[in-house]
Amino acid sequence: MAKTGYNHRQFIRLFSGAVGLTPKVYSRVQRFQKALTSCQFCSRQRRSGALDSRVQGARLPLFDPFDI
């Protein structure tokens, strides 16, 4: 946030006002949507036999950068 010139609270307030969600909630929504998309992709690939189901979990991030 140093690059933006805003402190932590200002950034969250501005982000929430513009997006309608806090950065943490926005990140979680984005991660959930990516997981859904990945599941749908993997489901199609599994039906065609093109993708091993063990690969599916390797594509998703295991952390939320806003939790740090």
Protein backbone atom coordinates (compact mmCIF):
# COMPACT_ATOMS: atom_id res chain seq x y z
CA MET A 1 0.00 0.00 0.00
CA ALA A 2 3.00 2.26 0.21
CA LYS A 3 2.81 2.67 -3.57
CA THR A 4 -0.74 4.02 -3.34
CA GLY A 5 0.10 6.71 -0.81
CA TYR A 6 -2.73 5.62 1.50
CA ASN A 7 -2.45 4.02 4.90
CA HIS A 8 -4.11 0.69 5.67
CA ARG A 9 -7.42 2.10 6.93
CA GLN A 10 -7.73 4.65 4.12
CA PHE A 11 -7.08 1.99 1.51
CA ILE A 12 -9.73 -0.34 2.97
CA ARG A 13 -12.25 2.54 3.17
CA LEU A 14 -11.59 3.63 -0.42
CA PHE A 15 -11.57 0.05 -1.75
CA SER A 16 -14.83 -0.75 0.08
CA GLY A 17 -16.46 2.38 -1.26
CA ALA A 18 -15.44 1.62 -4.85
CA VAL A 19 -15.98 -2.14 -4.90
CA GLY A 20 -18.62 -2.65 -2.22
CA LEU A 21 -16.54 -5.27 -0.39
CA THR A 22 -13.50 -5.14 1.82
CA PRO A 23 -10.26 -6.31 0.19
CA LYS A 24 -10.34 -9.49 2.29
CA VAL A 25 -13.89 -10.42 1.27
CA TYR A 26 -13.16 -9.50 -2.36
CA SER A 27 -10.13 -11.79 -2.34
CA ARG A 28 -12.21 -14.64 -0.94
CA VAL A 29 -14.92 -14.15 -3.57
CA GLN A 30 -12.30 -14.13 -6.33
CA ARG A 31 -10.66 -17.29 -4.97
CA PHE A 32 -14.05 -19.02 -4.71
CA GLN A 33 -14.94 -18.06 -8.29
CA LYS A 34 -11.57 -19.36 -9.47
CA ALA A 35 -12.21 -22.63 -7.63
CA LEU A 36 -15.63 -22.97 -9.27
CA THR A 37 -14.18 -22.27 -12.69
CA SER A 38 -11.39 -24.76 -12.07
CA CYS A 39 -13.85 -27.40 -10.90
CA GLN A 40 -16.00 -26.90 -13.98
CA PHE A 41 -12.92 -27.08 -16.22
CA CYS A 42 -11.63 -30.19 -14.47
CA SER A 43 -15.06 -31.79 -14.58
CA ARG A 44 -15.17 -31.36 -18.36
CA GLN A 45 -11.61 -32.63 -18.69
CA ARG A 46 -12.30 -35.67 -16.48
CA ARG A 47 -15.32 -36.58 -18.55
CA SER A 48 -13.13 -36.54 -21.62
CA GLY A 49 -10.35 -38.40 -19.77
CA ALA A 50 -7.83 -35.62 -20.38
CA LEU A 51 -7.05 -34.61 -16.78
CA ASP A 52 -6.08 -36.55 -13.67
CA SER A 53 -8.23 -35.40 -10.71
CA ARG A 54 -5.10 -34.99 -8.52
CA VAL A 55 -4.04 -32.03 -10.68
CA GLN A 56 -7.14 -30.00 -9.81
CA GLY A 57 -6.02 -28.98 -6.29
CA ALA A 58 -2.56 -27.96 -7.45
CA ARG A 59 -3.99 -25.06 -9.45
CA LEU A 60 -5.53 -23.19 -6.49
CA PRO A 61 -3.70 -20.86 -4.09
CA LEU A 62 -3.51 -22.11 -0.51
CA PHE A 63 -3.31 -18.70 1.15
CA ASP A 64 -5.08 -15.39 1.16
CA PRO A 65 -2.59 -12.50 0.85
CA PHE A 66 -4.93 -10.28 2.90
CA ASP A 67 -4.74 -12.72 5.83
CA ILE A 68 -1.01 -12.06 6.23
